[in-house]
Amino acid sequence: MSNERKQSKLEELIQKYCPEGVEYRTVKSVYQRLKGTPITAAKMKEIEKAHGDVRIFAGGKTVIDAYEEDIPKANITRVPAVLVQSRGVIDAVYYDKLFTFKNEMWAYTHENKTKVKFLYYVLKNNIEKFREAASGMGSLPQISLKVTDDFLIPVPPLPVQSEIVRILDNFTELTAELTAELTAELTARKKQYEYYRDALLTFDGVRNEVSSDVKWRTIGEVCSLQSGKAISSYLISDVQTAENPIPCYGANGLRGYVSKFNESSDKPIVGRQGALCGNVCFATGSYYATEHAVVVTDKGFFNNRFLYHLLVHADLNQYKTAGAQPGLSVKRLNEVKVPVPTRRIQDKIANVLDNFDAICSDLNIGLPAEIEARKKQYEYYRDALLTYAATGKTILTDRQTDRQTDEYSALIRLCHFVFGYVFLPLEEIFDIRNGYTPSKANPEYWTNGTVDWFRMEDIRINGHVLSGALQKVSEAAVKGGRKIPANSIALSTSATIGEHALVTIECLGNQRFSFFTPKTAFVDMINMKFMNYYFYKVDEWCKGHLFQGNFNSVDMSALKQLCVPIPDTGVQEHIVSILDRFDALCNDLTSGLPAEIEARKKQYEYYRDKLLTFRQK
């Protein structure tokens, strides 16, 4: 509703002050033109001070602060003005504090501050026209004074200008706030991307002990490294033009554009000079690599996009030489060891990380697109207001999306996609609790029992899936009112070692058992029937990791760190369906003679071990 009110007020002002339209005049006939200061780039670098009281604008996006007394032949602008950046990046800047600028540029001002701000919005609205006018003036875009001096602008009455400025100031402020919020979100997404990237590319940790047949090799064994060639700086343009269309890569990535190339095909490039040496970019098509850039050519071992992500993850900056000018030698890079997984794994990792990278970087996807869309929305209103066009009723929406996610669960699903399964320690998957025996001295615990209390006898008599106990205790026997949740695994970890069962009901159990209950994050990732089958392998592990004493007990610290595979849920279900059929055949008394049954049991154990054996690195 507020936008409708503002538009109505503007229309009312137009009807009141200029119902027949407005006069158009040249910029120079309305505004006073200001001159800059003759200053070189070297001098600017010399006098730059972080807390200087005067801002100095140079070509492109170069801006510094300095103290007025340090600026030679200073021509300081002390009133609000609109600066025309006329070379390199063509733009208009509104500034209302002390400033000056290189004398290749110029500025406009007026005794009325509102009129200055109005001019700024008009020039910004027509900035593409100025850029088009500069396109044919050599390798570096530049416009002449005449382009803006003689430019015709509308000159509505001051009340109309004031209302337009007020509206556009509000839009500018809202856009800045939104951009800041979305940029913060984008930064969080980039950190999330780096988290996933580092996890997927760490092949020597517990989480990635997968059957990826990873081999570790030096970069020199699997890649050819070649430094580029020197090129004079005057041949490098800051912007891409018809004369200089070729990207040029140096020590810190893209340096500018040149007229010729010395490399082609898609490859990673490593910067080898300066404090940021070791930074990695990915060059495509034809490009020029300088002597401070190392082109990395695969020798047939890699997906090039995977290689790029791998080199970023390798943090090559850590191998730089010390000194005033840090650097990376090709010889040192050749010695760095990197993992080389199978091509299938590389392809999947590259696909995952490229998608994350696109979400973070591509203006057509994700948050940058949101920022861009809001800027376009702002420009739409600005254009409409400045041309007095009828825009109709426009509703502004602030679309919010719930982007919160459990990074750990998402990482596991990514590993499912890339590797097929992931190994995790038991204590990360399960809440682990010990059983206990209620006091025999308290008869209340052992009369009128309603709570199932499991012992080894239950497994011996009823097998490895239990839905009821031979012995029950009362509710009063439950410590703290906390029973073992249903669908937990009871594992014998003392006295009799190497027996387990899946308990499908809430229960208690004696002290011979340790109970494994899936943590909330894993409830939807684990088929407990699959895990019940896998615990046959855990049984065997326990028998080999004992503490000797009055009776045997399992090394629980080691057991908690035992890594078990978590395949995709579909794979878990498939394994369970196969083992269930074997189990049925082995236990059905109508399936044949005892000898046949024994043969089937051995066959079942053979296939069970095959299905549940996941190679570890």
Foldseek 3Di string as FASTA:
>chain_A
DVVVVLLVVLVVVCVVFPVPFFDKAAQQVAWDKFFFAADDPVLCVVFFDQPAQEWEAEADGDIGHGHPVSGPPGDKDQAWKWKARFKQDTAIDTDGGIYGYHRLIMIIDDPDNLVRLLVRLQCRLCRVVSQVQQQPPDPIGGDDPCVRRGDIATDTDPVSSNSLSVVLVVLVVVLVVVVVVLVVVLVVLVVLLVVLLLVLFDCPDQWNQFPQPKDKDFLLVWKDKDAFAADDPVQFGQEAHPQFNAFEQEQAGTDGTGRAFDDAAWAKKFFWKAQPGLDIDIDHGTHGGYRRIMTIGGPPQADRLLVRSQSNSLSCSVQWDDDPMTGDDPVSSRGDMGMRTHHLLSVLSSVVSVVSVCCSDPCVHHSVVVSVVSVVVSSVVSVCSRVVHDDPDDDDDDDDDPPDDDSVLVSQVSCCRRRQKTKAFLLVFWDKDFFADFDPVDCQFQPPFDAAEADPVCCVVPNAEDAGHPGGTHCVRDPPSDWDAAQKKWAQFKFDAQDIHGYGHTHGYHRRTMITHGDPSCPVQDDSLLVSLLCSVVRVVQVVAWDDDPIIGHPVVVNRRDIAMRGGVVLSVVLSVVLVVLVCLLPDPVNDDPVVSVVSVVVSVVVSCVSRDTRTD
